């Protein structure tokens, strides 16, 4: 990595050139951020304090809320600060931190969603063995794997992105530092490290998706065989929120990153990228 790259700053894209609109956007995202943060922290505190919620499903939900809070906290506070101070500069270390944290929390969250699908599979398809299969030790190990794999992908993506040279424009076509936007302004012709990282990420993401799909195929086959309508409703009620979370995560992720990086991103682009 060149020395000039380490010492330079990046310029993030603002929503508007109007300072009045920047302040308005700052207050808007402050409200959105506080609502999302308080909601996730409330889940974390309630699950931690209430002993009735000390079950594997809520243990995974607690960690999921922690990852979600970390994901939005990696980018939104800096956006709010820039909107109020009318600045768009982010330092090189700050940009590295944003890339690392976004990849880490997003990857860990996706991994946790996959684990939760397996938890639902065991709970519905093998209820008598649930406490044996999904014991406390297994729960801790699976969450630890989420943290470690998220960190591994974050290191790979960060190293691949910032091993590139940025000798041209330093204006990032996004409201925060993300990999596609940084690669667009890079003047490096080849990105071997990031190509390898993306390949690993895609394979891992596909395997997680397959795991979720297989889990729910067995879950639905088991549920439709239940004779009691009340039993079917109870089983579905534990799966629907998780399915909504998975679909929302995948749809917003695909909409944000499976398309070319725009030269002038809209506010919707940022919402899809972060939320």
Protein backbone atom coordinates (compact mmCIF):
# COMPACT_ATOMS: atom_id res chain seq x y z
CA UNK A 1 0.00 0.00 0.00
CA UNK A 2 1.45 3.35 -1.00
CA UNK A 3 2.27 5.92 1.67
CA UNK A 4 0.20 8.61 -0.02
CA UNK A 5 -2.81 6.35 0.17
CA UNK A 6 -2.54 6.01 3.94
CA UNK A 7 -2.25 9.78 4.48
CA UNK A 8 -5.12 10.86 2.24
CA UNK A 9 -8.77 11.60 2.98
CA UNK A 10 -11.89 10.61 1.07
CA UNK A 11 -14.86 12.82 0.21
CA UNK A 12 -18.28 11.29 0.79
CA UNK A 13 -21.32 12.20 -1.30
CA UNK A 14 -23.85 14.49 0.37
CA UNK A 15 -27.61 14.24 -0.16
CA UNK A 16 -27.83 17.89 -1.17
CA UNK A 17 -25.66 20.96 -1.63
CA UNK A 18 -28.17 22.98 0.39
CA UNK A 19 -27.06 23.37 4.01
CA UNK A 20 -30.69 23.62 5.11
CA UNK A 21 -31.52 20.28 3.50
CA UNK A 22 -28.38 18.77 5.00
CA UNK A 23 -29.59 19.73 8.49
CA UNK A 24 -33.04 18.33 7.68
CA UNK A 25 -31.49 15.04 6.55
CA UNK A 26 -29.37 15.02 9.69
CA UNK A 27 -32.44 15.26 11.94
CA UNK A 28 -34.30 12.70 9.81
CA UNK A 29 -31.55 10.11 10.07
CA UNK A 30 -31.02 10.92 13.73
CA UNK A 31 -34.62 9.94 14.42
CA UNK A 32 -34.33 6.79 12.29
CA UNK A 33 -31.05 5.86 13.95
CA UNK A 34 -32.33 6.39 17.51
CA UNK A 35 -35.46 4.37 16.79
CA UNK A 36 -33.48 1.47 15.31
CA UNK A 37 -30.84 1.61 18.04
CA UNK A 38 -33.34 1.75 20.91
CA UNK A 39 -35.38 -1.09 19.41
CA UNK A 40 -32.36 -3.36 19.15
CA UNK A 41 -31.04 -2.41 22.58
CA UNK A 42 -34.47 -3.01 24.09
CA UNK A 43 -34.51 -6.53 22.67
CA UNK A 44 -30.99 -7.13 23.97
CA UNK A 45 -31.81 -5.90 27.50
CA UNK A 46 -35.15 -7.71 27.77
CA UNK A 47 -33.70 -11.04 26.65
CA UNK A 48 -30.77 -10.61 29.03
CA UNK A 49 -32.87 -9.63 32.08
CA UNK A 50 -35.95 -11.87 31.67
CA UNK A 51 -35.09 -15.44 32.66
CA UNK A 52 -38.15 -16.72 30.81
CA UNK A 53 -36.44 -15.66 27.58
CA UNK A 54 -33.23 -17.56 28.28
CA UNK A 55 -33.82 -20.00 25.44
CA UNK A 56 -31.71 -20.71 22.33
CA UNK A 57 -34.12 -18.87 20.01
CA UNK A 58 -33.98 -15.67 22.08
CA UNK A 59 -30.24 -16.05 22.61
CA UNK A 60 -29.79 -15.93 18.83
CA UNK A 61 -32.28 -13.05 18.60
CA UNK A 62 -30.26 -11.11 21.17
CA UNK A 63 -27.10 -11.50 19.14
CA UNK A 64 -28.96 -10.64 15.94
CA UNK A 65 -30.13 -7.37 17.50
CA UNK A 66 -26.55 -6.65 18.56
CA UNK A 67 -25.27 -7.18 15.01
CA UNK A 68 -28.06 -5.01 13.60
CA UNK A 69 -27.28 -2.20 16.04
CA UNK A 70 -23.60 -2.45 15.16
CA UNK A 71 -24.32 -2.35 11.44
CA UNK A 72 -26.28 0.88 11.52
CA UNK A 73 -23.86 2.42 14.06
CA UNK A 74 -20.95 1.85 11.69
CA UNK A 75 -22.21 4.41 9.18
CA UNK A 76 -25.22 6.44 10.28
CA UNK A 77 -23.62 8.48 13.14
CA UNK A 78 -20.92 9.73 10.77
CA UNK A 79 -23.60 10.68 8.24
CA UNK A 80 -25.54 12.60 10.91
CA UNK A 81 -22.39 14.43 12.06
CA UNK A 82 -21.44 15.36 8.48
CA UNK A 83 -24.97 16.64 7.82
CA UNK A 84 -24.92 18.94 10.85
CA UNK A 85 -21.36 20.19 10.30
CA UNK A 86 -21.70 20.42 6.48
CA UNK A 87 -18.56 18.34 6.01
CA UNK A 88 -18.05 15.36 3.74
CA UNK A 89 -14.47 14.37 4.55
CA UNK A 90 -13.60 11.02 6.10
CA UNK A 91 -10.04 10.03 6.98
CA UNK A 92 -8.36 6.96 5.55
CA UNK A 93 -8.46 5.09 8.90
CA UNK A 94 -12.11 6.07 9.31
CA UNK A 95 -12.90 4.71 5.85
CA UNK A 96 -11.11 1.45 6.64
CA UNK A 97 -13.07 1.13 9.87
CA UNK A 98 -16.37 1.66 8.07
CA UNK A 99 -15.62 -1.01 5.47
CA UNK A 100 -14.46 -3.46 8.13
CA UNK A 101 -17.41 -2.92 10.47
CA UNK A 102 -20.07 -2.99 7.74
CA UNK A 103 -18.75 -6.27 6.29
CA UNK A 104 -18.25 -7.75 9.76
CA UNK A 105 -21.72 -6.98 11.11
CA UNK A 106 -23.55 -7.76 7.85
CA UNK A 107 -21.77 -11.13 7.46
CA UNK A 108 -22.29 -12.03 11.13
CA UNK A 109 -25.97 -11.09 10.89
CA UNK A 110 -26.47 -13.28 7.81
CA UNK A 111 -24.68 -16.16 9.53
CA UNK A 112 -26.90 -15.75 12.60
CA UNK A 113 -30.03 -15.78 10.43
CA UNK A 114 -28.81 -19.08 8.99
CA UNK A 115 -28.24 -20.48 12.47
CA UNK A 116 -31.73 -19.40 13.51
CA UNK A 117 -33.23 -21.33 10.59
CA UNK A 118 -31.42 -24.45 11.81
CA UNK A 119 -32.74 -23.76 15.31
CA UNK A 120 -36.31 -23.64 13.96
CA UNK A 121 -35.70 -26.87 12.03
CA UNK A 122 -34.58 -28.74 15.15
CA UNK A 123 -37.34 -27.23 17.31
CA UNK A 124 -40.14 -28.24 14.92
CA UNK A 125 -38.79 -31.41 13.28
CA UNK A 126 -37.02 -32.90 16.34
CA UNK A 127 -38.73 -31.36 19.37
CA UNK A 128 -37.88 -34.21 21.76
CA UNK A 129 -34.16 -33.88 21.02
CA UNK A 130 -34.12 -30.08 20.89
CA UNK A 131 -32.54 -29.52 24.31
CA UNK A 132 -29.85 -32.08 23.54
CA UNK A 133 -28.95 -30.80 20.07
CA UNK A 134 -29.29 -27.06 20.73
CA UNK A 135 -27.72 -26.88 24.18
CA UNK A 136 -26.02 -23.82 25.67
CA UNK A 137 -22.55 -24.90 24.57
CA UNK A 138 -23.67 -25.37 20.98
CA UNK A 139 -25.41 -21.97 21.00
CA UNK A 140 -22.26 -20.20 22.19
CA UNK A 141 -20.12 -22.04 19.63
CA UNK A 142 -22.43 -21.15 16.73
CA UNK A 143 -22.57 -17.48 17.70
CA UNK A 144 -18.78 -17.45 18.10
CA UNK A 145 -18.49 -18.84 14.57
CA UNK A 146 -20.68 -15.97 13.34
CA UNK A 147 -18.38 -13.42 14.98
CA UNK A 148 -15.20 -15.09 13.71
CA UNK A 149 -16.40 -15.63 10.16
CA UNK A 150 -17.70 -12.08 9.99
CA UNK A 151 -14.29 -10.82 11.12
CA UNK A 152 -12.52 -13.04 8.58
CA UNK A 153 -14.59 -11.72 5.68
CA UNK A 154 -14.16 -8.16 6.94
CA UNK A 155 -10.37 -8.54 6.99
CA UNK A 156 -10.35 -10.06 3.49
CA UNK A 157 -12.59 -7.38 1.98
CA UNK A 158 -10.78 -4.53 3.74
CA UNK A 159 -7.34 -5.81 2.70
CA UNK A 160 -8.49 -6.37 -0.87
CA UNK A 161 -10.11 -2.95 -1.16
CA UNK A 162 -7.35 -0.84 0.38
CA UNK A 163 -4.53 -2.68 -1.33
CA UNK A 164 -5.73 -0.80 -4.42
CA UNK A 165 -4.31 2.57 -5.43
CA UNK A 166 -6.42 5.74 -5.30
CA UNK A 167 -4.52 8.15 -7.53
CA UNK A 168 -7.49 9.90 -9.14
CA UNK A 169 -10.67 11.31 -7.66
CA UNK A 170 -11.13 10.78 -3.92
CA UNK A 171 -14.87 11.42 -4.07
CA UNK A 172 -16.72 8.26 -3.03
CA UNK A 173 -20.05 7.93 -4.92
CA UNK A 174 -21.82 6.87 -1.76
CA UNK A 175 -22.73 8.34 1.63
CA UNK A 176 -20.28 6.06 3.42
CA UNK A 177 -17.25 3.96 2.51
CA UNK A 178 -18.31 0.69 0.94
CA UNK A 179 -16.40 -1.74 -1.24
CA UNK A 180 -18.13 -1.22 -4.65
CA UNK A 181 -17.89 2.58 -4.42
CA UNK A 182 -14.21 2.51 -3.43
CA UNK A 183 -13.35 0.09 -6.23
CA UNK A 184 -15.08 2.40 -8.70
CA UNK A 185 -12.73 5.30 -7.87
CA UNK A 186 -9.65 3.07 -7.64
CA UNK A 187 -7.09 3.42 -10.41
CA UNK A 188 -5.83 -0.16 -10.02
CA UNK A 189 -6.55 -2.25 -13.09
CA UNK A 190 -6.55 -5.59 -11.30
CA UNK A 191 -8.10 -6.50 -7.95
CA UNK A 192 -6.92 -10.05 -7.32
CA UNK A 193 -7.33 -9.94 -3.55
CA UNK A 194 -10.82 -8.48 -3.66
CA UNK A 195 -11.83 -10.89 -6.44
CA UNK A 196 -10.80 -13.81 -4.22
CA UNK A 197 -12.64 -12.23 -1.27
CA UNK A 198 -15.82 -11.73 -3.31
CA UNK A 199 -15.66 -15.33 -4.53
CA UNK A 200 -15.34 -16.61 -0.96
CA UNK A 201 -18.19 -14.34 0.14
CA UNK A 202 -20.47 -15.46 -2.68
CA UNK A 203 -19.81 -19.16 -2.02
CA UNK A 204 -20.42 -18.68 1.70
CA UNK A 205 -23.58 -16.64 1.04
CA UNK A 206 -24.91 -19.28 -1.35
CA UNK A 207 -24.25 -22.08 1.18
CA UNK A 208 -26.08 -20.10 3.87
CA UNK A 209 -29.02 -19.57 1.54
CA UNK A 210 -29.12 -23.28 0.71
CA UNK A 211 -29.00 -24.10 4.42
CA UNK A 212 -31.93 -21.77 5.13
CA UNK A 213 -33.89 -23.21 2.20
CA UNK A 214 -33.33 -26.84 3.23
CA UNK A 215 -34.25 -26.07 6.85
CA UNK A 216 -37.56 -24.54 5.88
CA UNK A 217 -38.42 -27.27 3.39
CA UNK A 218 -38.28 -29.77 6.25
CA UNK A 219 -40.06 -27.35 8.59
CA UNK A 220 -43.00 -26.85 6.20
CA UNK A 221 -43.23 -30.57 5.47
CA UNK A 222 -43.45 -31.25 9.20
CA UNK A 223 -45.93 -28.45 9.92
CA UNK A 224 -48.45 -29.47 7.23
CA UNK A 225 -48.51 -32.96 8.74
CA UNK A 226 -49.61 -31.68 12.13
CA UNK A 227 -53.21 -32.64 12.83
CA UNK A 228 -54.06 -29.69 15.06
CA UNK A 229 -54.68 -26.27 13.56
CA UNK A 230 -53.46 -24.71 16.79
CA UNK A 231 -50.16 -26.61 16.54
CA UNK A 232 -49.67 -25.51 12.92
CA UNK A 233 -50.40 -21.88 13.83
CA UNK A 234 -47.96 -21.99 16.73
CA UNK A 235 -45.23 -23.49 14.56
CA UNK A 236 -45.76 -20.94 11.80
CA UNK A 237 -45.81 -18.07 14.28
CA UNK A 238 -42.22 -18.86 15.31
CA UNK A 239 -41.03 -19.07 11.69
CA UNK A 240 -42.74 -16.15 9.95
CA UNK A 241 -40.81 -13.33 11.73
CA UNK A 242 -37.53 -15.06 10.93
CA UNK A 243 -38.52 -15.57 7.29
CA UNK A 244 -39.47 -11.89 7.00
CA UNK A 245 -36.07 -10.91 8.44
CA UNK A 246 -34.24 -13.19 5.99
CA UNK A 247 -36.18 -11.95 2.96
CA UNK A 248 -35.73 -8.30 3.97
CA UNK A 249 -32.00 -8.80 4.47
CA UNK A 250 -31.51 -10.56 1.14
CA UNK A 251 -33.73 -8.24 -0.91
CA UNK A 252 -32.17 -5.03 0.41
CA UNK A 253 -28.67 -6.48 0.06
CA UNK A 254 -29.30 -7.57 -3.52
CA UNK A 255 -30.92 -4.24 -4.43
CA UNK A 256 -27.99 -2.32 -2.98
CA UNK A 257 -25.04 -4.32 -4.30
CA UNK A 258 -26.11 -6.42 -7.30
CA UNK A 259 -26.19 -3.43 -9.63
CA UNK A 260 -23.72 -0.84 -10.95
CA UNK A 261 -22.61 1.90 -8.58
CA UNK A 262 -24.44 5.14 -9.56
CA UNK A 263 -22.46 8.32 -10.15
CA UNK A 264 -25.01 10.36 -8.20
CA UNK A 265 -26.66 8.09 -5.62
CA UNK A 266 -30.16 8.83 -4.41
CA UNK A 267 -31.28 8.75 -0.78
CA UNK A 268 -32.93 5.38 -1.51
CA UNK A 269 -29.50 3.94 -2.39
CA UNK A 270 -28.26 4.78 1.07
CA UNK A 271 -31.34 3.37 2.78
CA UNK A 272 -30.94 0.10 0.89
CA UNK A 273 -27.23 -0.07 1.69
CA UNK A 274 -27.63 0.44 5.43
CA UNK A 275 -31.10 -0.65 6.46
